[in-house]
Amino acid sequence: MLIVRLLFILSAIAIGVSAVLYLVTQDRKYVDLAWRIARFVLMSLLLTVLLYVLERFALVAL
């Protein structure tokens, strides 16, 4: 769980840095990078929730 939290914190920092870089340079690639990171975080979050749900059902089934 600690690794997941660290991943989300680092992702939030990366999105923030890319947003600041976009505001400074007006280069569109930083917005694209932020969206890619956000999609990765959302997919990771969905996978984590799915694993917790599967774990809950597996424990109930035993």
Protein backbone atom coordinates (compact mmCIF):
# COMPACT_ATOMS: atom_id res chain seq x y z
CA MET A 1 0.00 0.00 0.00
CA LEU A 2 2.92 2.28 0.69
CA ILE A 3 4.18 1.80 -2.85
CA VAL A 4 0.77 2.72 -4.28
CA ARG A 5 0.65 5.91 -2.21
CA LEU A 6 4.17 6.80 -3.26
CA LEU A 7 3.22 6.22 -6.91
CA PHE A 8 0.23 8.56 -6.60
CA ILE A 9 2.24 11.26 -4.85
CA LEU A 10 5.00 11.14 -7.45
CA SER A 11 2.42 11.21 -10.22
CA ALA A 12 0.75 14.28 -8.73
CA ILE A 13 4.13 15.99 -8.52
CA ALA A 14 4.90 15.07 -12.14
CA ILE A 15 1.55 16.42 -13.32
CA GLY A 16 2.14 19.63 -11.40
CA VAL A 17 5.62 20.06 -12.84
CA SER A 18 4.40 19.47 -16.38
CA ALA A 19 1.59 22.00 -15.85
CA VAL A 20 4.09 24.60 -14.67
CA LEU A 21 6.38 23.83 -17.60
CA TYR A 22 3.44 24.30 -19.97
CA LEU A 23 2.60 27.65 -18.41
CA VAL A 24 6.21 28.78 -18.75
CA THR A 25 6.97 27.49 -22.26
CA GLN A 26 3.49 27.21 -23.85
CA ASP A 27 4.68 23.91 -25.39
CA ARG A 28 1.80 21.48 -25.93
CA LYS A 29 3.93 18.38 -25.23
CA TYR A 30 3.77 19.06 -21.48
CA VAL A 31 -0.03 18.94 -21.53
CA ASP A 32 0.13 15.65 -23.41
CA LEU A 33 2.59 14.31 -20.84
CA ALA A 34 0.29 15.32 -18.00
CA TRP A 35 -2.65 13.54 -19.66
CA ARG A 36 -0.59 10.38 -20.17
CA ILE A 37 0.45 10.39 -16.53
CA ALA A 38 -3.16 10.99 -15.44
CA ARG A 39 -4.40 8.08 -17.57
CA PHE A 40 -1.71 5.83 -16.11
CA VAL A 41 -2.72 6.84 -12.59
CA LEU A 42 -6.41 6.22 -13.30
CA MET A 43 -5.67 2.79 -14.76
CA SER A 44 -3.47 1.96 -11.77
CA LEU A 45 -6.20 3.10 -9.41
CA LEU A 46 -8.80 0.96 -11.18
CA LEU A 47 -6.49 -2.05 -11.08
CA THR A 48 -5.82 -1.54 -7.37
CA VAL A 49 -9.53 -1.27 -6.58
CA LEU A 50 -10.22 -4.35 -8.66
CA LEU A 51 -7.57 -6.31 -6.78
CA TYR A 52 -9.02 -5.23 -3.43
CA VAL A 53 -12.50 -6.30 -4.54
CA LEU A 54 -11.22 -9.66 -5.76
CA GLU A 55 -9.36 -10.13 -2.50
CA ARG A 56 -12.53 -9.38 -0.55
CA PHE A 57 -14.52 -11.92 -2.56
CA ALA A 58 -11.77 -14.53 -2.27
CA LEU A 59 -11.70 -14.13 1.52
CA VAL A 60 -15.48 -14.36 1.75
CA ALA A 61 -15.51 -17.49 -0.42
CA LEU A 62 -13.10 -19.25 1.94
